[in-house]
Amino acid sequence: MLVLNQAHEVTGYKLISSGSQCASLIDSKVVFRNALLLGARSIIVAHNHPGGSRTASAPDVAVTRKLVQAGAIVDIPVVDHIIYTSKGYTSIREAMPHLFETPDRTQP
């Protein structure tokens, strides 16, 4: 997880989980506890796909959706979720911008 300030500058990072060749568990409580402790105004999460696929898997999409929703509640937006491989990277925000849309909480 990259920690960003109000100007979207990286001010820190935290390793949240280390997984196997097939999976890594991401707990939104752990992500946002660390984001709060590190003074994040927003975050970027990232993980690798050792097999080389830059396509977001169904679990990647589910985790992204869950983190975006949790971030909206605690007022720490998820700016992006990056998948990186030896062949390059994919921005889930660019590939699936609808996952980053949250309800406007200022409306009654």
PDB file of N, CA and C in Angstrom:
ATOM      1  N   MET A   1       0.844  -1.164   0.000  1.00  0.00           N
ATOM      2  CA  MET A   1       0.000   0.000   0.000  1.00  0.00           C
ATOM      3  C   MET A   1       0.894   1.233   0.000  1.00  0.00           C
ATOM      4  N   LEU A   2       0.622   2.143  -0.912  1.00  0.00           N
ATOM      5  CA  LEU A   2       1.293   3.435  -0.925  1.00  0.00           C
ATOM      6  C   LEU A   2       0.407   4.442  -0.209  1.00  0.00           C
ATOM      7  N   VAL A   3       1.008   5.244   0.637  1.00  0.00           N
ATOM      8  CA  VAL A   3       0.303   6.266   1.400  1.00  0.00           C
ATOM      9  C   VAL A   3       0.524   7.602   0.699  1.00  0.00           C
ATOM     10  N   LEU A   4      -0.556   8.323   0.449  1.00  0.00           N
ATOM     11  CA  LEU A   4      -0.477   9.596  -0.264  1.00  0.00           C
ATOM     12  C   LEU A   4      -0.938  10.740   0.625  1.00  0.00           C
ATOM     13  N   ASN A   5      -0.344  11.914   0.401  1.00  0.00           N
ATOM     14  CA  ASN A   5      -0.807  13.105   1.104  1.00  0.00           C
ATOM     15  C   ASN A   5      -1.890  13.791   0.285  1.00  0.00           C
ATOM     16  N   GLN A   6      -2.289  14.990   0.716  1.00  0.00           N
ATOM     17  CA  GLN A   6      -3.383  15.694   0.046  1.00  0.00           C
ATOM     18  C   GLN A   6      -3.057  16.042  -1.407  1.00  0.00           C
ATOM     19  N   ALA A   7      -1.771  16.218  -1.722  1.00  0.00           N
ATOM     20  CA  ALA A   7      -1.341  16.540  -3.089  1.00  0.00           C
ATOM     21  C   ALA A   7      -1.085  15.284  -3.918  1.00  0.00           C
ATOM     22  N   HIS A   8      -1.467  14.118  -3.399  1.00  0.00           N
ATOM     23  CA  HIS A   8      -1.252  12.813  -4.028  1.00  0.00           C
ATOM     24  C   HIS A   8       0.231  12.485  -4.196  1.00  0.00           C
ATOM     25  N   GLU A   9       1.053  12.991  -3.296  1.00  0.00           N
ATOM     26  CA  GLU A   9       2.467  12.634  -3.257  1.00  0.00           C
ATOM     27  C   GLU A   9       2.635  11.442  -2.322  1.00  0.00           C
ATOM     28  N   VAL A  10       3.499  10.515  -2.696  1.00  0.00           N
ATOM     29  CA  VAL A  10       3.748   9.343  -1.859  1.00  0.00           C
ATOM     30  C   VAL A  10       4.536   9.778  -0.627  1.00  0.00           C
ATOM     31  N   THR A  11       3.985   9.485   0.549  1.00  0.00           N
ATOM     32  CA  THR A  11       4.658   9.844   1.802  1.00  0.00           C
ATOM     33  C   THR A  11       5.094   8.609   2.590  1.00  0.00           C
ATOM     34  N   GLY A  12       4.708   7.434   2.118  1.00  0.00           N
ATOM     35  CA  GLY A  12       5.109   6.216   2.798  1.00  0.00           C
ATOM     36  C   GLY A  12       4.516   4.997   2.118  1.00  0.00           C
ATOM     37  N   TYR A  13       4.844   3.852   2.666  1.00  0.00           N
ATOM     38  CA  TYR A  13       4.301   2.606   2.151  1.00  0.00           C
ATOM     39  C   TYR A  13       4.253   1.595   3.276  1.00  0.00           C
ATOM     40  N   LYS A  14       3.452   0.570   3.088  1.00  0.00           N
ATOM     41  CA  LYS A  14       3.328  -0.493   4.086  1.00  0.00           C
ATOM     42  C   LYS A  14       3.025  -1.795   3.372  1.00  0.00           C
ATOM     43  N   LEU A  15       3.792  -2.840   3.685  1.00  0.00           N
ATOM     44  CA  LEU A  15       3.495  -4.176   3.187  1.00  0.00           C
ATOM     45  C   LEU A  15       2.334  -4.703   4.029  1.00  0.00           C
ATOM     46  N   ILE A  16       1.230  -5.013   3.388  1.00  0.00           N
ATOM     47  CA  ILE A  16       0.027  -5.451   4.091  1.00  0.00           C
ATOM     48  C   ILE A  16      -0.050  -6.962   4.164  1.00  0.00           C
ATOM     49  N   SER A  17       0.341  -7.633   3.107  1.00  0.00           N
ATOM     50  CA  SER A  17       0.195  -9.079   3.055  1.00  0.00           C
ATOM     51  C   SER A  17       1.247  -9.662   2.139  1.00  0.00           C
ATOM     52  N   SER A  18       1.688 -10.857   2.465  1.00  0.00           N
ATOM     53  CA  SER A  18       2.591 -11.599   1.597  1.00  0.00           C
ATOM     54  C   SER A  18       1.934 -12.939   1.331  1.00  0.00           C
ATOM     55  N   GLY A  19       1.702 -13.224   0.073  1.00  0.00           N
ATOM     56  CA  GLY A  19       0.927 -14.415  -0.263  1.00  0.00           C
ATOM     57  C   GLY A  19       1.764 -15.523  -0.868  1.00  0.00           C
ATOM     58  N   SER A  20       1.045 -16.477  -1.420  1.00  0.00           N
ATOM     59  CA  SER A  20       1.658 -17.613  -2.091  1.00  0.00           C
ATOM     60  C   SER A  20       1.677 -17.347  -3.593  1.00  0.00           C
ATOM     61  N   GLN A  21       2.014 -18.348  -4.361  1.00  0.00           N
ATOM     62  CA  GLN A  21       1.988 -18.238  -5.818  1.00  0.00           C
ATOM     63  C   GLN A  21       0.570 -18.034  -6.334  1.00  0.00           C
ATOM     64  N   CYS A  22      -0.424 -18.444  -5.549  1.00  0.00           N
ATOM     65  CA  CYS A  22      -1.807 -18.440  -6.030  1.00  0.00           C
ATOM     66  C   CYS A  22      -2.693 -17.364  -5.415  1.00  0.00           C
ATOM     67  N   ALA A  23      -2.369 -16.896  -4.204  1.00  0.00           N
ATOM     68  CA  ALA A  23      -3.293 -15.979  -3.542  1.00  0.00           C
ATOM     69  C   ALA A  23      -2.609 -15.210  -2.427  1.00  0.00           C
ATOM     70  N   SER A  24      -3.229 -14.110  -2.081  1.00  0.00           N
ATOM     71  CA  SER A  24      -2.820 -13.311  -0.930  1.00  0.00           C
ATOM     72  C   SER A  24      -4.084 -12.776  -0.287  1.00  0.00           C
ATOM     73  N   LEU A  25      -4.158 -12.850   1.020  1.00  0.00           N
ATOM     74  CA  LEU A  25      -5.332 -12.356   1.723  1.00  0.00           C
ATOM     75  C   LEU A  25      -5.180 -10.871   2.014  1.00  0.00           C
ATOM     76  N   ILE A  26      -6.212 -10.119   1.692  1.00  0.00           N
ATOM     77  CA  ILE A  26      -6.214  -8.687   1.958  1.00  0.00           C
ATOM     78  C   ILE A  26      -7.388  -8.395   2.877  1.00  0.00           C
ATOM     79  N   ASP A  27      -7.085  -7.902   4.067  1.00  0.00           N
ATOM     80  CA  ASP A  27      -8.105  -7.565   5.050  1.00  0.00           C
ATOM     81  C   ASP A  27      -8.261  -6.052   5.063  1.00  0.00           C
ATOM     82  N   SER A  28      -9.438  -5.557   4.707  1.00  0.00           N
ATOM     83  CA  SER A  28      -9.642  -4.113   4.628  1.00  0.00           C
ATOM     84  C   SER A  28      -9.408  -3.436   5.978  1.00  0.00           C
ATOM     85  N   LYS A  29      -9.670  -4.132   7.073  1.00  0.00           N
ATOM     86  CA  LYS A  29      -9.418  -3.543   8.393  1.00  0.00           C
ATOM     87  C   LYS A  29      -7.931  -3.271   8.576  1.00  0.00           C
ATOM     88  N   VAL A  30      -7.092  -4.194   8.144  1.00  0.00           N
ATOM     89  CA  VAL A  30      -5.640  -4.025   8.262  1.00  0.00           C
ATOM     90  C   VAL A  30      -5.169  -2.895   7.351  1.00  0.00           C
ATOM     91  N   VAL A  31      -5.700  -2.846   6.140  1.00  0.00           N
ATOM     92  CA  VAL A  31      -5.319  -1.787   5.202  1.00  0.00           C
ATOM     93  C   VAL A  31      -5.609  -0.423   5.803  1.00  0.00           C
ATOM     94  N   PHE A  32      -6.835  -0.215   6.273  1.00  0.00           N
ATOM     95  CA  PHE A  32      -7.209   1.123   6.725  1.00  0.00           C
ATOM     96  C   PHE A  32      -6.705   1.448   8.124  1.00  0.00           C
ATOM     97  N   ARG A  33      -6.457   0.451   8.945  1.00  0.00           N
ATOM     98  CA  ARG A  33      -5.800   0.715  10.239  1.00  0.00           C
ATOM     99  C   ARG A  33      -4.413   1.303   9.964  1.00  0.00           C
ATOM    100  N   ASN A  34      -3.684   0.681   9.041  1.00  0.00           N
ATOM    101  CA  ASN A  34      -2.354   1.183   8.699  1.00  0.00           C
ATOM    102  C   ASN A  34      -2.426   2.534   7.994  1.00  0.00           C
ATOM    103  N   ALA A  35      -3.399   2.716   7.131  1.00  0.00           N
ATOM    104  CA  ALA A  35      -3.561   4.003   6.449  1.00  0.00           C
ATOM    105  C   ALA A  35      -3.795   5.119   7.469  1.00  0.00           C
ATOM    106  N   LEU A  36      -4.631   4.860   8.448  1.00  0.00           N
ATOM    107  CA  LEU A  36      -4.893   5.856   9.493  1.00  0.00           C
ATOM    108  C   LEU A  36      -3.639   6.133  10.321  1.00  0.00           C
ATOM    109  N   LEU A  37      -2.935   5.084  10.716  1.00  0.00           N
ATOM    110  CA  LEU A  37      -1.725   5.251  11.519  1.00  0.00           C
ATOM    111  C   LEU A  37      -0.646   6.027  10.769  1.00  0.00           C
ATOM    112  N   LEU A  38      -0.600   5.868   9.451  1.00  0.00           N
ATOM    113  CA  LEU A  38       0.412   6.541   8.638  1.00  0.00           C
ATOM    114  C   LEU A  38      -0.045   7.912   8.131  1.00  0.00           C
ATOM    115  N   GLY A  39      -1.236   8.345   8.535  1.00  0.00           N
ATOM    116  CA  GLY A  39      -1.721   9.672   8.163  1.00  0.00           C
ATOM    117  C   GLY A  39      -2.108   9.811   6.710  1.00  0.00           C
ATOM    118  N   ALA A  40      -2.571   8.752   6.105  1.00  0.00           N
ATOM    119  CA  ALA A  40      -2.929   8.783   4.680  1.00  0.00           C
ATOM    120  C   ALA A  40      -4.127   9.688   4.425  1.00  0.00           C
ATOM    121  N   ARG A  41      -4.041  10.446   3.340  1.00  0.00           N
ATOM    122  CA  ARG A  41      -5.199  11.178   2.834  1.00  0.00           C
ATOM    123  C   ARG A  41      -5.887  10.359   1.741  1.00  0.00           C
ATOM    124  N   SER A  42      -5.102   9.483   1.097  1.00  0.00           N
ATOM    125  CA  SER A  42      -5.603   8.522   0.117  1.00  0.00           C
ATOM    126  C   SER A  42      -4.537   7.438  -0.006  1.00  0.00           C
ATOM    127  N   ILE A  43      -4.902   6.347  -0.684  1.00  0.00           N
ATOM    128  CA  ILE A  43      -3.956   5.240  -0.827  1.00  0.00           C
ATOM    129  C   ILE A  43      -4.006   4.668  -2.237  1.00  0.00           C
ATOM    130  N   ILE A  44      -2.941   3.980  -2.586  1.00  0.00           N
ATOM    131  CA  ILE A  44      -2.886   3.136  -3.778  1.00  0.00           C
ATOM    132  C   ILE A  44      -2.481   1.757  -3.284  1.00  0.00           C
ATOM    133  N   VAL A  45      -3.208   0.735  -3.693  1.00  0.00           N
ATOM    134  CA  VAL A  45      -2.815  -0.627  -3.352  1.00  0.00           C
ATOM    135  C   VAL A  45      -2.250  -1.285  -4.603  1.00  0.00           C
ATOM    136  N   ALA A  46      -1.358  -2.225  -4.390  1.00  0.00           N
ATOM    137  CA  ALA A  46      -0.716  -2.898  -5.514  1.00  0.00           C
ATOM    138  C   ALA A  46      -0.363  -4.318  -5.110  1.00  0.00           C
ATOM    139  N   HIS A  47      -0.353  -5.183  -6.092  1.00  0.00           N
ATOM    140  CA  HIS A  47       0.102  -6.554  -5.864  1.00  0.00           C
ATOM    141  C   HIS A  47       0.638  -7.110  -7.170  1.00  0.00           C
ATOM    142  N   ASN A  48       1.348  -8.217  -7.055  1.00  0.00           N
ATOM    143  CA  ASN A  48       1.913  -8.805  -8.260  1.00  0.00           C
ATOM    144  C   ASN A  48       1.134 -10.045  -8.683  1.00  0.00           C
ATOM    145  N   HIS A  49       1.284 -10.386  -9.937  1.00  0.00           N
ATOM    146  CA  HIS A  49       0.796 -11.648 -10.498  1.00  0.00           C
ATOM    147  C   HIS A  49       2.030 -12.394 -10.984  1.00  0.00           C
ATOM    148  N   PRO A  50       2.552 -13.316 -10.183  1.00  0.00           N
ATOM    149  CA  PRO A  50       3.783 -14.016 -10.570  1.00  0.00           C
ATOM    150  C   PRO A  50       3.677 -14.760 -11.899  1.00  0.00           C
ATOM    151  N   GLY A  51       2.469 -15.169 -12.268  1.00  0.00           N
ATOM    152  CA  GLY A  51       2.291 -15.892 -13.520  1.00  0.00           C
ATOM    153  C   GLY A  51       2.392 -15.013 -14.756  1.00  0.00           C
ATOM    154  N   GLY A  52       2.388 -13.695 -14.561  1.00  0.00           N
ATOM    155  CA  GLY A  52       2.568 -12.787 -15.688  1.00  0.00           C
ATOM    156  C   GLY A  52       1.302 -12.183 -16.254  1.00  0.00           C
ATOM    157  N   SER A  53       0.121 -12.658 -15.847  1.00  0.00           N
ATOM    158  CA  SER A  53      -1.122 -12.092 -16.368  1.00  0.00           C
ATOM    159  C   SER A  53      -1.353 -10.715 -15.758  1.00  0.00           C
ATOM    160  N   ARG A  54      -1.616  -9.741 -16.618  1.00  0.00           N
ATOM    161  CA  ARG A  54      -1.912  -8.394 -16.132  1.00  0.00           C
ATOM    162  C   ARG A  54      -3.411  -8.156 -15.994  1.00  0.00           C
ATOM    163  N   THR A  55      -4.207  -9.177 -16.245  1.00  0.00           N
ATOM    164  CA  THR A  55      -5.659  -9.054 -16.156  1.00  0.00           C
ATOM    165  C   THR A  55      -6.115  -9.223 -14.712  1.00  0.00           C
ATOM    166  N   ALA A  56      -7.014  -8.354 -14.273  1.00  0.00           N
ATOM    167  CA  ALA A  56      -7.563  -8.451 -12.920  1.00  0.00           C
ATOM    168  C   ALA A  56      -8.434  -9.702 -12.821  1.00  0.00           C
ATOM    169  N   SER A  57      -8.189 -10.479 -11.792  1.00  0.00           N
ATOM    170  CA  SER A  57      -8.994 -11.679 -11.538  1.00  0.00           C
ATOM    171  C   SER A  57     -10.281 -11.282 -10.811  1.00  0.00           C
ATOM    172  N   ALA A  58     -11.211 -12.216 -10.710  1.00  0.00           N
ATOM    173  CA  ALA A  58     -12.448 -11.961  -9.958  1.00  0.00           C
ATOM    174  C   ALA A  58     -12.140 -11.578  -8.510  1.00  0.00           C
ATOM    175  N   PRO A  59     -11.201 -12.261  -7.824  1.00  0.00           N
ATOM    176  CA  PRO A  59     -10.858 -11.814  -6.470  1.00  0.00           C
ATOM    177  C   PRO A  59     -10.231 -10.414  -6.443  1.00  0.00           C
ATOM    178  N   ASP A  60      -9.448 -10.055  -7.456  1.00  0.00           N
ATOM    179  CA  ASP A  60      -8.884  -8.701  -7.526  1.00  0.00           C
ATOM    180  C   ASP A  60      -9.999  -7.663  -7.604  1.00  0.00           C
ATOM    181  N   VAL A  61     -10.993  -7.943  -8.423  1.00  0.00           N
ATOM    182  CA  VAL A  61     -12.127  -7.028  -8.577  1.00  0.00           C
ATOM    183  C   VAL A  61     -12.902  -6.924  -7.263  1.00  0.00           C
ATOM    184  N   ALA A  62     -13.142  -8.059  -6.610  1.00  0.00           N
ATOM    185  CA  ALA A  62     -13.882  -8.067  -5.346  1.00  0.00           C
ATOM    186  C   ALA A  62     -13.136  -7.281  -4.268  1.00  0.00           C
ATOM    187  N   VAL A  63     -11.827  -7.483  -4.169  1.00  0.00           N
ATOM    188  CA  VAL A  63     -11.040  -6.755  -3.170  1.00  0.00           C
ATOM    189  C   VAL A  63     -11.046  -5.263  -3.469  1.00  0.00           C
ATOM    190  N   THR A  64     -10.902  -4.914  -4.719  1.00  0.00           N
ATOM    191  CA  THR A  64     -10.929  -3.496  -5.102  1.00  0.00           C
ATOM    192  C   THR A  64     -12.250  -2.869  -4.693  1.00  0.00           C
ATOM    193  N   ARG A  65     -13.330  -3.523  -5.030  1.00  0.00           N
ATOM    194  CA  ARG A  65     -14.665  -3.003  -4.686  1.00  0.00           C
ATOM    195  C   ARG A  65     -14.802  -2.809  -3.173  1.00  0.00           C
ATOM    196  N   LYS A  66     -14.364  -3.807  -2.407  1.00  0.00           N
ATOM    197  CA  LYS A  66     -14.469  -3.745  -0.951  1.00  0.00           C
ATOM    198  C   LYS A  66     -13.608  -2.617  -0.378  1.00  0.00           C
ATOM    199  N   LEU A  67     -12.382  -2.476  -0.878  1.00  0.00           N
ATOM    200  CA  LEU A  67     -11.502  -1.415  -0.382  1.00  0.00           C
ATOM    201  C   LEU A  67     -12.031  -0.033  -0.739  1.00  0.00           C
ATOM    202  N   VAL A  68     -12.563   0.133  -1.933  1.00  0.00           N
ATOM    203  CA  VAL A  68     -13.123   1.427  -2.333  1.00  0.00           C
ATOM    204  C   VAL A  68     -14.290   1.788  -1.424  1.00  0.00           C
ATOM    205  N   GLN A  69     -15.153   0.827  -1.140  1.00  0.00           N
ATOM    206  CA  GLN A  69     -16.298   1.089  -0.256  1.00  0.00           C
ATOM    207  C   GLN A  69     -15.836   1.443   1.155  1.00  0.00           C
ATOM    208  N   ALA A  70     -14.868   0.688   1.682  1.00  0.00           N
ATOM    209  CA  ALA A  70     -14.355   0.967   3.021  1.00  0.00           C
ATOM    210  C   ALA A  70     -13.661   2.325   3.062  1.00  0.00           C
ATOM    211  N   GLY A  71     -12.904   2.640   2.030  1.00  0.00           N
ATOM    212  CA  GLY A  71     -12.222   3.921   1.966  1.00  0.00           C
ATOM    213  C   GLY A  71     -13.190   5.094   1.951  1.00  0.00           C
ATOM    214  N   ALA A  72     -14.314   4.918   1.285  1.00  0.00           N
ATOM    215  CA  ALA A  72     -15.330   5.976   1.258  1.00  0.00           C
ATOM    216  C   ALA A  72     -15.892   6.214   2.658  1.00  0.00           C
ATOM    217  N   ILE A  73     -16.027   5.167   3.430  1.00  0.00           N
ATOM    218  CA  ILE A  73     -16.574   5.298   4.786  1.00  0.00           C
ATOM    219  C   ILE A  73     -15.600   6.029   5.702  1.00  0.00           C
ATOM    220  N   VAL A  74     -14.320   5.704   5.619  1.00  0.00           N
ATOM    221  CA  VAL A  74     -13.329   6.327   6.512  1.00  0.00           C
ATOM    222  C   VAL A  74     -12.682   7.574   5.902  1.00  0.00           C
ATOM    223  N   ASP A  75     -13.156   7.986   4.736  1.00  0.00           N
ATOM    224  CA  ASP A  75     -12.681   9.192   4.055  1.00  0.00           C
ATOM    225  C   ASP A  75     -11.198   9.105   3.674  1.00  0.00           C
ATOM    226  N   ILE A  76     -10.785   7.919   3.258  1.00  0.00           N
ATOM    227  CA  ILE A  76      -9.451   7.701   2.699  1.00  0.00           C
ATOM    228  C   ILE A  76      -9.656   6.993   1.358  1.00  0.00           C
ATOM    229  N   PRO A  77      -9.799   7.766   0.283  1.00  0.00           N
ATOM    230  CA  PRO A  77     -10.079   7.150  -1.017  1.00  0.00           C
ATOM    231  C   PRO A  77      -8.962   6.233  -1.514  1.00  0.00           C
ATOM    232  N   VAL A  78      -9.370   5.199  -2.221  1.00  0.00           N
ATOM    233  CA  VAL A  78      -8.434   4.325  -2.927  1.00  0.00           C
ATOM    234  C   VAL A  78      -8.272   4.934  -4.320  1.00  0.00           C
ATOM    235  N   VAL A  79      -7.099   5.438  -4.604  1.00  0.00           N
ATOM    236  CA  VAL A  79      -6.833   6.105  -5.879  1.00  0.00           C
ATOM    237  C   VAL A  79      -6.713   5.096  -7.008  1.00  0.00           C
ATOM    238  N   ASP A  80      -6.091   3.952  -6.727  1.00  0.00           N
ATOM    239  CA  ASP A  80      -5.923   2.933  -7.756  1.00  0.00           C
ATOM    240  C   ASP A  80      -5.540   1.613  -7.110  1.00  0.00           C
ATOM    241  N   HIS A  81      -5.678   0.567  -7.872  1.00  0.00           N
ATOM    242  CA  HIS A  81      -5.209  -0.768  -7.506  1.00  0.00           C
ATOM    243  C   HIS A  81      -4.394  -1.232  -8.707  1.00  0.00           C
ATOM    244  N   ILE A  82      -3.118  -1.432  -8.484  1.00  0.00           N
ATOM    245  CA  ILE A  82      -2.187  -1.751  -9.563  1.00  0.00           C
ATOM    246  C   ILE A  82      -1.815  -3.235  -9.497  1.00  0.00           C
ATOM    247  N   ILE A  83      -1.833  -3.889 -10.646  1.00  0.00           N
ATOM    248  CA  ILE A  83      -1.325  -5.252 -10.778  1.00  0.00           C
ATOM    249  C   ILE A  83      -0.028  -5.145 -11.559  1.00  0.00           C
ATOM    250  N   TYR A  84       1.043  -5.650 -10.997  1.00  0.00           N
ATOM    251  CA  TYR A  84       2.307  -5.588 -11.727  1.00  0.00           C
ATOM    252  C   TYR A  84       2.873  -6.983 -11.950  1.00  0.00           C
ATOM    253  N   THR A  85       3.554  -7.112 -13.089  1.00  0.00           N
ATOM    254  CA  THR A  85       4.158  -8.380 -13.496  1.00  0.00           C
ATOM    255  C   THR A  85       5.512  -8.079 -14.129  1.00  0.00           C
ATOM    256  N   SER A  86       6.205  -9.114 -14.513  1.00  0.00           N
ATOM    257  CA  SER A  86       7.472  -8.911 -15.218  1.00  0.00           C
ATOM    258  C   SER A  86       7.239  -8.343 -16.622  1.00  0.00           C
ATOM    259  N   LYS A  87       5.996  -8.406 -17.087  1.00  0.00           N
ATOM    260  CA  LYS A  87       5.656  -7.926 -18.436  1.00  0.00           C
ATOM    261  C   LYS A  87       5.085  -6.510 -18.443  1.00  0.00           C
ATOM    262  N   GLY A  88       4.904  -5.923 -17.271  1.00  0.00           N
ATOM    263  CA  GLY A  88       4.316  -4.594 -17.192  1.00  0.00           C
ATOM    264  C   GLY A  88       3.308  -4.521 -16.067  1.00  0.00           C
ATOM    265  N   TYR A  89       2.403  -3.566 -16.163  1.00  0.00           N
ATOM    266  CA  TYR A  89       1.412  -3.397 -15.105  1.00  0.00           C
ATOM    267  C   TYR A  89       0.051  -3.041 -15.692  1.00  0.00           C
ATOM    268  N   THR A  90      -0.962  -3.167 -14.847  1.00  0.00           N
ATOM    269  CA  THR A  90      -2.317  -2.758 -15.200  1.00  0.00           C
ATOM    270  C   THR A  90      -2.881  -1.920 -14.072  1.00  0.00           C
ATOM    271  N   SER A  91      -3.468  -0.809 -14.421  1.00  0.00           N
ATOM    272  CA  SER A  91      -4.210   0.017 -13.484  1.00  0.00           C
ATOM    273  C   SER A  91      -5.664  -0.453 -13.517  1.00  0.00           C
ATOM    274  N   ILE A  92      -6.142  -0.947 -12.397  1.00  0.00           N
ATOM    275  CA  ILE A  92      -7.545  -1.374 -12.366  1.00  0.00           C
ATOM    276  C   ILE A  92      -8.452  -0.156 -12.523  1.00  0.00           C
ATOM    277  N   ARG A  93      -8.037   1.008 -12.046  1.00  0.00           N
ATOM    278  CA  ARG A  93      -8.846   2.217 -12.239  1.00  0.00           C
ATOM    279  C   ARG A  93      -9.015   2.510 -13.733  1.00  0.00           C
ATOM    280  N   GLU A  94      -7.942   2.386 -14.504  1.00  0.00           N
ATOM    281  CA  GLU A  94      -8.043   2.635 -15.937  1.00  0.00           C
ATOM    282  C   GLU A  94      -8.868   1.561 -16.632  1.00  0.00           C
ATOM    283  N   ALA A  95      -8.682   0.308 -16.216  1.00  0.00           N
ATOM    284  CA  ALA A  95      -9.380  -0.798 -16.871  1.00  0.00           C
ATOM    285  C   ALA A  95     -10.846  -0.879 -16.475  1.00  0.00           C
ATOM    286  N   MET A  96     -11.167  -0.525 -15.232  1.00  0.00           N
ATOM    287  CA  MET A  96     -12.536  -0.656 -14.707  1.00  0.00           C
ATOM    288  C   MET A  96     -12.889   0.547 -13.830  1.00  0.00           C
ATOM    289  N   PRO A  97     -13.010   1.725 -14.425  1.00  0.00           N
ATOM    290  CA  PRO A  97     -13.250   2.930 -13.616  1.00  0.00           C
ATOM    291  C   PRO A  97     -14.527   2.870 -12.780  1.00  0.00           C
ATOM    292  N   HIS A  98     -15.498   2.094 -13.213  1.00  0.00           N
ATOM    293  CA  HIS A  98     -16.759   2.006 -12.462  1.00  0.00           C
ATOM    294  C   HIS A  98     -16.556   1.462 -11.052  1.00  0.00           C
ATOM    295  N   LEU A  99     -15.495   0.685 -10.822  1.00  0.00           N
ATOM    296  CA  LEU A  99     -15.241   0.143  -9.483  1.00  0.00           C
ATOM    297  C   LEU A  99     -14.897   1.237  -8.482  1.00  0.00           C
ATOM    298  N   PHE A 100     -14.463   2.392  -8.959  1.00  0.00           N
ATOM    299  CA  PHE A 100     -14.015   3.465  -8.086  1.00  0.00           C
ATOM    300  C   PHE A 100     -15.092   4.523  -7.858  1.00  0.00           C
ATOM    301  N   GLU A 101     -16.266   4.293  -8.405  1.00  0.00           N
ATOM    302  CA  GLU A 101     -17.375   5.226  -8.181  1.00  0.00           C
ATOM    303  C   GLU A 101     -18.016   4.915  -6.849  1.00  0.00           C
ATOM    304  N   THR A 102     -18.208   5.950  -6.043  1.00  0.00           N
ATOM    305  CA  THR A 102     -18.846   5.781  -4.743  1.00  0.00           C
ATOM    306  C   THR A 102     -20.026   6.732  -4.651  1.00  0.00           C
ATOM    307  N   PRO A 103     -21.019   6.370  -3.859  1.00  0.00           N
ATOM    308  CA  PRO A 103     -22.169   7.271  -3.701  1.00  0.00           C
ATOM    309  C   PRO A 103     -21.731   8.592  -3.083  1.00  0.00           C
ATOM    310  N   ASP A 104     -22.383   9.669  -3.473  1.00  0.00           N
ATOM    311  CA  ASP A 104     -22.117  10.980  -2.894  1.00  0.00           C
ATOM    312  C   ASP A 104     -22.739  11.019  -1.509  1.00  0.00           C
ATOM    313  N   ARG A 105     -21.916  11.005  -0.488  1.00  0.00           N
ATOM    314  CA  ARG A 105     -22.411  10.956   0.892  1.00  0.00           C
ATOM    315  C   ARG A 105     -22.858  12.330   1.386  1.00  0.00           C
ATOM    316  N   THR A 106     -22.692  13.384   0.590  1.00  0.00           N
ATOM    317  CA  THR A 106     -23.138  14.717   1.017  1.00  0.00           C
ATOM    318  C   THR A 106     -24.610  14.942   0.728  1.00  0.00           C
ATOM    319  N   GLN A 107     -25.197  14.096  -0.095  1.00  0.00           N
ATOM    320  CA  GLN A 107     -26.607  14.238  -0.433  1.00  0.00           C
ATOM    321  C   GLN A 107     -27.475  13.533   0.617  1.00  0.00           C
ATOM    322  N   PRO A 108     -28.616  14.137   0.965  1.00  0.00           N
ATOM    323  CA  PRO A 108     -29.508  13.498   1.972  1.00  0.00           C
ATOM    324  C   PRO A 108     -30.136  12.235   1.451  1.00  0.00           C
TER     325      PRO A 108
END
